[in-house]
Amino acid sequence: KIMDYLPGPHNKIFAEFDALKAFVAE
């Protein structure tokens, strides 16, 4: 909940999850 508002490298994981979701969706 707190980390959602903070900048940092942890935010890059969402792009990786989106790529994984796109692969599975296909």
PDB file of all heavy atoms in Angstrom:
ATOM      1  N   LYS A   1       0.827  -1.215   0.000  1.00  0.00           N
ATOM      2  CA  LYS A   1       0.000   0.000   0.000  1.00  0.00           C
ATOM      3  C   LYS A   1       0.864   1.269   0.000  1.00  0.00           C
ATOM      4  O   LYS A   1       0.581   2.221  -0.698  1.00  0.00           O
ATOM      5  CB  LYS A   1      -0.941   0.018   1.212  1.00  0.00           C
ATOM      6  CG  LYS A   1      -1.902  -1.151   1.262  1.00  0.00           C
ATOM      7  CD  LYS A   1      -3.001  -1.008   0.246  1.00  0.00           C
ATOM      8  CE  LYS A   1      -4.017  -2.108   0.464  1.00  0.00           C
ATOM      9  NZ  LYS A   1      -4.592  -2.624  -0.714  1.00  0.00           N
ATOM     10  N   ILE A   2       1.913   1.254   0.781  1.00  0.00           N
ATOM     11  CA  ILE A   2       2.803   2.416   0.866  1.00  0.00           C
ATOM     12  C   ILE A   2       3.689   2.500  -0.370  1.00  0.00           C
ATOM     13  O   ILE A   2       3.881   3.578  -0.938  1.00  0.00           O
ATOM     14  CB  ILE A   2       3.680   2.325   2.142  1.00  0.00           C
ATOM     15  CG1 ILE A   2       2.797   2.375   3.383  1.00  0.00           C
ATOM     16  CG2 ILE A   2       4.727   3.434   2.167  1.00  0.00           C
ATOM     17  CD1 ILE A   2       3.524   2.004   4.664  1.00  0.00           C
ATOM     18  N   MET A   3       4.230   1.359  -0.801  1.00  0.00           N
ATOM     19  CA  MET A   3       5.181   1.337  -1.911  1.00  0.00           C
ATOM     20  C   MET A   3       4.550   1.778  -3.232  1.00  0.00           C
ATOM     21  O   MET A   3       5.258   2.234  -4.123  1.00  0.00           O
ATOM     22  CB  MET A   3       5.789  -0.062  -2.052  1.00  0.00           C
ATOM     23  CG  MET A   3       6.612  -0.517  -0.860  1.00  0.00           C
ATOM     24  SD  MET A   3       8.077   0.463  -0.567  1.00  0.00           S
ATOM     25  CE  MET A   3       9.126  -0.138  -1.858  1.00  0.00           C
ATOM     26  N   ASP A   4       3.222   1.650  -3.355  1.00  0.00           N
ATOM     27  CA  ASP A   4       2.546   2.095  -4.573  1.00  0.00           C
ATOM     28  C   ASP A   4       2.766   3.581  -4.829  1.00  0.00           C
ATOM     29  O   ASP A   4       2.730   4.033  -5.968  1.00  0.00           O
ATOM     30  CB  ASP A   4       1.036   1.813  -4.490  1.00  0.00           C
ATOM     31  CG  ASP A   4       0.704   0.365  -4.773  1.00  0.00           C
ATOM     32  OD1 ASP A   4       1.538  -0.341  -5.375  1.00  0.00           O
ATOM     33  OD2 ASP A   4      -0.404  -0.066  -4.388  1.00  0.00           O
ATOM     34  N   TYR A   5       2.999   4.330  -3.777  1.00  0.00           N
ATOM     35  CA  TYR A   5       3.150   5.788  -3.896  1.00  0.00           C
ATOM     36  C   TYR A   5       4.610   6.230  -3.990  1.00  0.00           C
ATOM     37  O   TYR A   5       4.877   7.407  -4.203  1.00  0.00           O
ATOM     38  CB  TYR A   5       2.482   6.477  -2.701  1.00  0.00           C
ATOM     39  CG  TYR A   5       0.998   6.208  -2.651  1.00  0.00           C
ATOM     40  CD1 TYR A   5       0.473   5.279  -1.754  1.00  0.00           C
ATOM     41  CD2 TYR A   5       0.122   6.848  -3.516  1.00  0.00           C
ATOM     42  CE1 TYR A   5      -0.887   5.007  -1.717  1.00  0.00           C
ATOM     43  CE2 TYR A   5      -1.235   6.583  -3.494  1.00  0.00           C
ATOM     44  CZ  TYR A   5      -1.738   5.663  -2.591  1.00  0.00           C
ATOM     45  OH  TYR A   5      -3.078   5.395  -2.565  1.00  0.00           O
ATOM     46  N   LEU A   6       5.537   5.300  -3.811  1.00  0.00           N
ATOM     47  CA  LEU A   6       6.949   5.666  -3.815  1.00  0.00           C
ATOM     48  C   LEU A   6       7.608   5.313  -5.151  1.00  0.00           C
ATOM     49  O   LEU A   6       7.325   4.260  -5.723  1.00  0.00           O
ATOM     50  CB  LEU A   6       7.686   4.933  -2.687  1.00  0.00           C
ATOM     51  CG  LEU A   6       7.225   5.235  -1.267  1.00  0.00           C
ATOM     52  CD1 LEU A   6       7.977   4.364  -0.273  1.00  0.00           C
ATOM     53  CD2 LEU A   6       7.420   6.712  -0.939  1.00  0.00           C
ATOM     54  N   PRO A   7       8.482   6.192  -5.637  1.00  0.00           N
ATOM     55  CA  PRO A   7       9.227   5.841  -6.846  1.00  0.00           C
ATOM     56  C   PRO A   7      10.312   4.827  -6.507  1.00  0.00           C
ATOM     57  O   PRO A   7      10.697   4.682  -5.352  1.00  0.00           O
ATOM     58  CB  PRO A   7       9.843   7.183  -7.265  1.00  0.00           C
ATOM     59  CG  PRO A   7       9.975   7.945  -5.992  1.00  0.00           C
ATOM     60  CD  PRO A   7       8.820   7.510  -5.127  1.00  0.00           C
ATOM     61  N   GLY A   8      10.770   4.131  -7.515  1.00  0.00           N
ATOM     62  CA  GLY A   8      11.854   3.175  -7.300  1.00  0.00           C
ATOM     63  C   GLY A   8      11.801   2.056  -8.309  1.00  0.00           C
ATOM     64  O   GLY A   8      10.838   1.927  -9.074  1.00  0.00           O
ATOM     65  N   PRO A   9      12.822   1.218  -8.303  1.00  0.00           N
ATOM     66  CA  PRO A   9      12.897   0.131  -9.289  1.00  0.00           C
ATOM     67  C   PRO A   9      11.798  -0.921  -9.133  1.00  0.00           C
ATOM     68  O   PRO A   9      11.536  -1.682 -10.059  1.00  0.00           O
ATOM     69  CB  PRO A   9      14.274  -0.477  -9.052  1.00  0.00           C
ATOM     70  CG  PRO A   9      14.698  -0.024  -7.713  1.00  0.00           C
ATOM     71  CD  PRO A   9      13.983   1.253  -7.435  1.00  0.00           C
ATOM     72  N   HIS A  10      11.136  -0.932  -7.975  1.00  0.00           N
ATOM     73  CA  HIS A  10      10.066  -1.910  -7.773  1.00  0.00           C
ATOM     74  C   HIS A  10       8.908  -1.688  -8.753  1.00  0.00           C
ATOM     75  O   HIS A  10       8.152  -2.603  -9.043  1.00  0.00           O
ATOM     76  CB  HIS A  10       9.556  -1.869  -6.332  1.00  0.00           C
ATOM     77  CG  HIS A  10       8.931  -0.578  -5.946  1.00  0.00           C
ATOM     78  ND1 HIS A  10       9.678   0.544  -5.665  1.00  0.00           N
ATOM     79  CD2 HIS A  10       7.631  -0.206  -5.802  1.00  0.00           C
ATOM     80  CE1 HIS A  10       8.871   1.542  -5.367  1.00  0.00           C
ATOM     81  NE2 HIS A  10       7.619   1.116  -5.434  1.00  0.00           N
ATOM     82  N   ASN A  11       8.773  -0.495  -9.284  1.00  0.00           N
ATOM     83  CA  ASN A  11       7.685  -0.198 -10.221  1.00  0.00           C
ATOM     84  C   ASN A  11       7.877  -0.854 -11.594  1.00  0.00           C
ATOM     85  O   ASN A  11       6.922  -1.000 -12.341  1.00  0.00           O
ATOM     86  CB  ASN A  11       7.517   1.315 -10.372  1.00  0.00           C
ATOM     87  CG  ASN A  11       6.960   1.940  -9.109  1.00  0.00           C
ATOM     88  OD1 ASN A  11       5.995   1.450  -8.545  1.00  0.00           O
ATOM     89  ND2 ASN A  11       7.588   2.998  -8.646  1.00  0.00           N
ATOM     90  N   LYS A  12       9.097  -1.265 -11.914  1.00  0.00           N
ATOM     91  CA  LYS A  12       9.372  -1.907 -13.201  1.00  0.00           C
ATOM     92  C   LYS A  12       8.711  -3.285 -13.296  1.00  0.00           C
ATOM     93  O   LYS A  12       8.481  -3.790 -14.382  1.00  0.00           O
ATOM     94  CB  LYS A  12      10.872  -2.049 -13.425  1.00  0.00           C
ATOM     95  CG  LYS A  12      11.575  -0.723 -13.598  1.00  0.00           C
ATOM     96  CD  LYS A  12      13.067  -0.929 -13.761  1.00  0.00           C
ATOM     97  CE  LYS A  12      13.773   0.406 -13.807  1.00  0.00           C
ATOM     98  NZ  LYS A  12      15.221   0.255 -13.752  1.00  0.00           N
ATOM     99  N   ILE A  13       8.426  -3.868 -12.151  1.00  0.00           N
ATOM    100  CA  ILE A  13       7.848  -5.220 -12.165  1.00  0.00           C
ATOM    101  C   ILE A  13       6.478  -5.236 -12.833  1.00  0.00           C
ATOM    102  O   ILE A  13       6.084  -6.233 -13.425  1.00  0.00           O
ATOM    103  CB  ILE A  13       7.788  -5.820 -10.742  1.00  0.00           C
ATOM    104  CG1 ILE A  13       7.591  -7.334 -10.835  1.00  0.00           C
ATOM    105  CG2 ILE A  13       6.694  -5.183  -9.908  1.00  0.00           C
ATOM    106  CD1 ILE A  13       7.850  -8.070  -9.556  1.00  0.00           C
ATOM    107  N   PHE A  14       5.768  -4.105 -12.780  1.00  0.00           N
ATOM    108  CA  PHE A  14       4.436  -4.078 -13.383  1.00  0.00           C
ATOM    109  C   PHE A  14       4.502  -4.246 -14.891  1.00  0.00           C
ATOM    110  O   PHE A  14       3.644  -4.888 -15.487  1.00  0.00           O
ATOM    111  CB  PHE A  14       3.692  -2.802 -12.981  1.00  0.00           C
ATOM    112  CG  PHE A  14       3.510  -2.696 -11.494  1.00  0.00           C
ATOM    113  CD1 PHE A  14       4.116  -1.685 -10.771  1.00  0.00           C
ATOM    114  CD2 PHE A  14       2.761  -3.636 -10.802  1.00  0.00           C
ATOM    115  CE1 PHE A  14       3.972  -1.602  -9.392  1.00  0.00           C
ATOM    116  CE2 PHE A  14       2.606  -3.574  -9.430  1.00  0.00           C
ATOM    117  CZ  PHE A  14       3.217  -2.548  -8.718  1.00  0.00           C
ATOM    118  N   ALA A  15       5.519  -3.684 -15.522  1.00  0.00           N
ATOM    119  CA  ALA A  15       5.703  -3.859 -16.969  1.00  0.00           C
ATOM    120  C   ALA A  15       6.006  -5.322 -17.276  1.00  0.00           C
ATOM    121  O   ALA A  15       5.519  -5.869 -18.274  1.00  0.00           O
ATOM    122  CB  ALA A  15       6.827  -2.964 -17.475  1.00  0.00           C
ATOM    123  N   GLU A  16       6.778  -5.969 -16.409  1.00  0.00           N
ATOM    124  CA  GLU A  16       7.085  -7.393 -16.606  1.00  0.00           C
ATOM    125  C   GLU A  16       5.818  -8.243 -16.449  1.00  0.00           C
ATOM    126  O   GLU A  16       5.589  -9.177 -17.211  1.00  0.00           O
ATOM    127  CB  GLU A  16       8.178  -7.853 -15.629  1.00  0.00           C
ATOM    128  CG  GLU A  16       9.517  -7.210 -15.835  1.00  0.00           C
ATOM    129  CD  GLU A  16      10.198  -7.605 -17.136  1.00  0.00           C
ATOM    130  OE1 GLU A  16       9.849  -8.648 -17.733  1.00  0.00           O
ATOM    131  OE2 GLU A  16      11.100  -6.859 -17.561  1.00  0.00           O
ATOM    132  N   PHE A  17       5.004  -7.919 -15.449  1.00  0.00           N
ATOM    133  CA  PHE A  17       3.744  -8.644 -15.268  1.00  0.00           C
ATOM    134  C   PHE A  17       2.817  -8.431 -16.463  1.00  0.00           C
ATOM    135  O   PHE A  17       2.130  -9.362 -16.901  1.00  0.00           O
ATOM    136  CB  PHE A  17       3.040  -8.232 -13.975  1.00  0.00           C
ATOM    137  CG  PHE A  17       3.530  -8.943 -12.747  1.00  0.00           C
ATOM    138  CD1 PHE A  17       3.929  -8.228 -11.636  1.00  0.00           C
ATOM    139  CD2 PHE A  17       3.590 -10.324 -12.695  1.00  0.00           C
ATOM    140  CE1 PHE A  17       4.386  -8.879 -10.501  1.00  0.00           C
ATOM    141  CE2 PHE A  17       4.047 -10.982 -11.572  1.00  0.00           C
ATOM    142  CZ  PHE A  17       4.450 -10.257 -10.468  1.00  0.00           C
ATOM    143  N   ASP A  18       2.789  -7.213 -17.005  1.00  0.00           N
ATOM    144  CA  ASP A  18       1.953  -6.935 -18.173  1.00  0.00           C
ATOM    145  C   ASP A  18       2.399  -7.761 -19.371  1.00  0.00           C
ATOM    146  O   ASP A  18       1.571  -8.287 -20.121  1.00  0.00           O
ATOM    147  CB  ASP A  18       1.979  -5.437 -18.515  1.00  0.00           C
ATOM    148  CG  ASP A  18       1.210  -4.603 -17.507  1.00  0.00           C
ATOM    149  OD1 ASP A  18       0.405  -5.177 -16.735  1.00  0.00           O
ATOM    150  OD2 ASP A  18       1.419  -3.366 -17.485  1.00  0.00           O
ATOM    151  N   ALA A  19       3.709  -7.895 -19.560  1.00  0.00           N
ATOM    152  CA  ALA A  19       4.234  -8.711 -20.664  1.00  0.00           C
ATOM    153  C   ALA A  19       3.855 -10.182 -20.471  1.00  0.00           C
ATOM    154  O   ALA A  19       3.467 -10.866 -21.425  1.00  0.00           O
ATOM    155  CB  ALA A  19       5.744  -8.555 -20.762  1.00  0.00           C
ATOM    156  N   LEU A  20       3.932 -10.662 -19.236  1.00  0.00           N
ATOM    157  CA  LEU A  20       3.550 -12.048 -18.939  1.00  0.00           C
ATOM    158  C   LEU A  20       2.056 -12.254 -19.186  1.00  0.00           C
ATOM    159  O   LEU A  20       1.647 -13.255 -19.788  1.00  0.00           O
ATOM    160  CB  LEU A  20       3.918 -12.396 -17.496  1.00  0.00           C
ATOM    161  CG  LEU A  20       3.579 -13.799 -17.025  1.00  0.00           C
ATOM    162  CD1 LEU A  20       4.276 -14.853 -17.872  1.00  0.00           C
ATOM    163  CD2 LEU A  20       3.966 -13.957 -15.556  1.00  0.00           C
ATOM    164  N   LYS A  21       1.242 -11.300 -18.738  1.00  0.00           N
ATOM    165  CA  LYS A  21      -0.212 -11.394 -18.967  1.00  0.00           C
ATOM    166  C   LYS A  21      -0.534 -11.408 -20.454  1.00  0.00           C
ATOM    167  O   LYS A  21      -1.415 -12.147 -20.892  1.00  0.00           O
ATOM    168  CB  LYS A  21      -0.933 -10.220 -18.301  1.00  0.00           C
ATOM    169  CG  LYS A  21      -1.032 -10.317 -16.804  1.00  0.00           C
ATOM    170  CD  LYS A  21      -1.806  -9.109 -16.282  1.00  0.00           C
ATOM    171  CE  LYS A  21      -1.456  -8.783 -14.871  1.00  0.00           C
ATOM    172  NZ  LYS A  21      -2.066  -7.543 -14.409  1.00  0.00           N
ATOM    173  N   ALA A  22       0.168 -10.605 -21.238  1.00  0.00           N
ATOM    174  CA  ALA A  22      -0.066 -10.557 -22.681  1.00  0.00           C
ATOM    175  C   ALA A  22       0.274 -11.900 -23.328  1.00  0.00           C
ATOM    176  O   ALA A  22      -0.470 -12.387 -24.194  1.00  0.00           O
ATOM    177  CB  ALA A  22       0.759  -9.436 -23.319  1.00  0.00           C
ATOM    178  N   PHE A  23       1.359 -12.518 -22.895  1.00  0.00           N
ATOM    179  CA  PHE A  23       1.750 -13.825 -23.430  1.00  0.00           C
ATOM    180  C   PHE A  23       0.679 -14.866 -23.124  1.00  0.00           C
ATOM    181  O   PHE A  23       0.238 -15.607 -24.008  1.00  0.00           O
ATOM    182  CB  PHE A  23       3.096 -14.253 -22.825  1.00  0.00           C
ATOM    183  CG  PHE A  23       3.594 -15.569 -23.348  1.00  0.00           C
ATOM    184  CD1 PHE A  23       4.406 -15.615 -24.463  1.00  0.00           C
ATOM    185  CD2 PHE A  23       3.250 -16.760 -22.724  1.00  0.00           C
ATOM    186  CE1 PHE A  23       4.869 -16.833 -24.954  1.00  0.00           C
ATOM    187  CE2 PHE A  23       3.697 -17.976 -23.200  1.00  0.00           C
ATOM    188  CZ  PHE A  23       4.522 -18.015 -24.321  1.00  0.00           C
ATOM    189  N   VAL A  24       0.244 -14.899 -21.869  1.00  0.00           N
ATOM    190  CA  VAL A  24      -0.767 -15.878 -21.456  1.00  0.00           C
ATOM    191  C   VAL A  24      -2.102 -15.593 -22.152  1.00  0.00           C
ATOM    192  O   VAL A  24      -2.785 -16.515 -22.597  1.00  0.00           O
ATOM    193  CB  VAL A  24      -0.920 -15.907 -19.922  1.00  0.00           C
ATOM    194  CG1 VAL A  24      -2.079 -16.788 -19.494  1.00  0.00           C
ATOM    195  CG2 VAL A  24       0.376 -16.385 -19.268  1.00  0.00           C
ATOM    196  N   ALA A  25      -2.469 -14.321 -22.274  1.00  0.00           N
ATOM    197  CA  ALA A  25      -3.735 -13.959 -22.932  1.00  0.00           C
ATOM    198  C   ALA A  25      -3.751 -14.431 -24.380  1.00  0.00           C
ATOM    199  O   ALA A  25      -4.777 -14.923 -24.867  1.00  0.00           O
ATOM    200  CB  ALA A  25      -3.947 -12.447 -22.864  1.00  0.00           C
ATOM    201  N   GLU A  26      -2.623 -14.319 -25.054  1.00  0.00           N
ATOM    202  CA  GLU A  26      -2.535 -14.791 -26.437  1.00  0.00           C
ATOM    203  C   GLU A  26      -2.746 -16.303 -26.508  1.00  0.00           C
ATOM    204  O   GLU A  26      -3.466 -16.810 -27.374  1.00  0.00           O
ATOM    205  CB  GLU A  26      -1.170 -14.416 -27.006  1.00  0.00           C
ATOM    206  CG  GLU A  26      -0.997 -14.745 -28.468  1.00  0.00           C
ATOM    207  CD  GLU A  26       0.390 -14.362 -28.977  1.00  0.00           C
ATOM    208  OE1 GLU A  26       0.932 -13.338 -28.533  1.00  0.00           O
ATOM    209  OE2 GLU A  26       0.904 -15.116 -29.828  1.00  0.00           O
TER     210      GLU A  26
END
